[in-house]
Amino acid sequence: MRYQHHPIPSTIECIALPALPPTIHLLNEEGELKTIEEVVEDTIRFHIEHHDGCLSSSSRSLGISRSTLYRKIYASMKRSRAPQIYIG
C-alpha cells in the first residue's frame, strides 16, 4: 500500500490526513519495554492477520521461509504454553 504525498498548505488549515497504518507497540500493558521475542511474535501476528491467515504470503512479506515461520509459531506456543498466534 502506497501513501500519497500531500503538499504542505501555505496557510494553516485543517487537512484530512490518511489513516495511519496499524502499529506494533514496544511497550507492554505495564508500560515496560517488550522483549525481542514479544516484538517478533507481535510482528508475525500482524503479518498473519494482514494476509488473512495465509502463511505463504505472511512468510514472503516477512522475508523468511514458510518453515521458519512455522518454527517461530511453534516456539511461541511452546514458550507460552498456550497459542498466542492464531492461524485460520
Protein backbone atom coordinates (compact mmCIF):
# COMPACT_ATOMS: atom_id res chain seq x y z
CA MET A 1 0.00 0.00 0.00
CA ARG A 2 1.45 3.33 -1.00
CA TYR A 3 0.58 6.62 0.63
CA GLN A 4 0.18 9.72 -1.48
CA HIS A 5 2.36 12.71 -0.77
CA HIS A 6 0.31 15.66 0.44
CA PRO A 7 1.82 19.10 -0.20
CA ILE A 8 2.13 21.34 2.83
CA PRO A 9 -0.58 24.02 2.68
CA SER A 10 0.59 27.63 2.54
CA THR A 11 -1.82 28.59 5.32
CA ILE A 12 -2.64 26.75 8.50
CA GLU A 13 -5.86 24.87 7.96
CA CYS A 14 -7.38 21.53 8.78
CA ILE A 15 -6.40 18.91 6.27
CA ALA A 16 -7.52 15.31 6.12
CA LEU A 17 -4.55 13.02 6.55
CA PRO A 18 -4.60 9.39 5.51
CA ALA A 19 -5.21 6.96 8.35
CA LEU A 20 -2.03 5.79 9.99
CA PRO A 21 -1.16 2.16 9.37
CA PRO A 22 -1.54 -0.27 12.27
CA THR A 23 1.39 -0.19 14.64
CA ILE A 24 3.24 -2.67 16.77
CA HIS A 25 3.70 -1.40 20.30
CA LEU A 26 7.06 -1.74 22.01
CA LEU A 27 5.61 -1.32 25.49
CA ASN A 28 3.53 -3.92 27.30
CA GLU A 29 0.39 -3.24 29.34
CA GLU A 30 2.51 -2.27 32.38
CA GLY A 31 4.43 0.32 30.35
CA GLU A 32 7.64 -1.72 30.29
CA LEU A 33 9.61 -2.48 27.14
CA LYS A 34 8.67 -5.76 25.50
CA THR A 35 11.30 -8.41 24.95
CA ILE A 36 12.57 -9.04 21.43
CA GLU A 37 10.63 -12.33 21.43
CA GLU A 38 7.39 -10.47 22.20
CA VAL A 39 8.06 -7.94 19.43
CA VAL A 40 8.78 -10.76 16.96
CA GLU A 41 5.55 -12.51 17.99
CA ASP A 42 3.58 -9.28 17.51
CA THR A 43 5.18 -8.77 14.10
CA ILE A 44 4.38 -12.32 12.99
CA ARG A 45 0.82 -12.00 14.32
CA PHE A 46 0.39 -8.70 12.41
CA HIS A 47 1.61 -10.24 9.14
CA ILE A 48 -0.62 -13.30 9.51
CA GLU A 49 -3.67 -11.15 10.25
CA HIS A 50 -2.80 -8.77 7.39
CA HIS A 51 -2.62 -11.70 4.96
CA ASP A 52 -5.88 -13.24 6.25
CA GLY A 53 -4.12 -16.27 7.73
CA CYS A 54 -2.17 -17.14 4.57
CA LEU A 55 1.19 -18.34 5.90
CA SER A 56 2.83 -18.38 2.46
CA SER A 57 2.09 -14.69 1.91
CA SER A 58 2.98 -13.89 5.52
CA SER A 59 6.37 -15.58 5.31
CA ARG A 60 7.09 -13.92 1.96
CA SER A 61 6.32 -10.45 3.35
CA LEU A 62 8.43 -11.19 6.45
CA GLY A 63 11.34 -12.26 4.23
CA ILE A 64 11.60 -15.71 5.82
CA SER A 65 10.80 -19.22 4.62
CA ARG A 66 7.50 -20.82 5.47
CA SER A 67 9.28 -23.47 7.54
CA THR A 68 10.99 -20.72 9.58
CA LEU A 69 7.59 -19.12 10.16
CA TYR A 70 6.21 -22.47 11.37
CA ARG A 71 9.19 -22.85 13.73
CA LYS A 72 8.66 -19.37 15.17
CA ILE A 73 4.93 -20.03 15.69
CA TYR A 74 5.71 -23.36 17.37
CA ALA A 75 8.36 -21.75 19.60
CA SER A 76 5.88 -19.05 20.61
CA MET A 77 3.27 -21.63 21.51
CA LYS A 78 5.81 -23.72 23.43
CA ARG A 79 7.09 -20.70 25.40
CA SER A 80 3.65 -19.52 26.48
CA ARG A 81 2.06 -23.00 26.80
CA ALA A 82 -0.96 -21.51 25.03
CA PRO A 83 -1.29 -20.47 21.40
CA GLN A 84 -0.54 -16.78 21.07
CA ILE A 85 -0.67 -16.73 17.29
CA TYR A 86 -3.93 -17.94 15.83
CA ILE A 87 -3.98 -19.41 12.35
CA GLY A 88 -7.14 -19.79 10.38
